[in-house]
Amino acid sequence: MTTVISKATLQRLPIYLNCLKTADDASEYVSATTLANRLGFGEVQVRKDLASICDAGKPKVGYLKKELVAVLENYLGADMNDAVLVGVGHLGKALMAYKGFEEYGFKIVAGFDVDPALIGRKVAGKEIFSADRMETLIRRLHIRIGIITLPKEYAQETADKLIQAGVRAIWNFSPTYIMVPDNVAVKNENMASSLAVLVRQLKELSAAEKGSAAHKNEKERG
């Protein structure tokens, strides 16, 4: 079953997959209610999300766990999630060493950099190669995902080289937006924007707390 789903649903699917894979539960079946309770999600939302990609759920029984895992992995492309990372600085090393990606079927298989001191070294068992070898190795390994963790002045040029080598999805952590052709997917992670949203939410929460406290004091005085 394949259908177009919303971005919000797509972002929740890896969470369901991780929950199914890591749950300490010997049961053969799992229900939307069980997943909702484990994750703190709404039951109706979970039911709709799963129904959008899988029609194998049974009333009062739920989904066969192995089948649901397979459907989620297939939909999320777990068979094409090998990636390379360009720019092995502090952030690049942290991403290469992060084991949580593999729970979602995602694996960084190699890193690339121009620093001679890094080339030939390994991070979490993954070798760092010279950037000069990027196109050759990407083609040889049939890599379709590239991660950029470079200063902004190098981001677009690197994206162009990744695309030329055959990459069709780019996860960009550089502090700038990159332009890609229509047949290439890109996710720009703007940390400054995320921080701005977080700070704004903090201000709103603080204002709400102050308002609540003022209202309480006024009632007590009355």
Foldseek 3Di string as FASTA:
>chain_A
DDDDDDPVLVVCLLVLLLCLVPDPDPDQFDALVNSCVVVVHDSVVSVVSLVNQDDQADPPTGGRSVVSNVSSCVRVVLVQQEEEEEDCDPVNLCVQQDPVLVSSSHHDQEYEYQDPVQAQDDRNNHGYHYPVCVLVVCLVVVHAEYEYDDEPVCVQVVVVSCVVSPHQEYEYAYCDDYDDDPRHHYHYDHPVVVVVVVVVVVVVVVVVVVVVVVVVVVVVVD
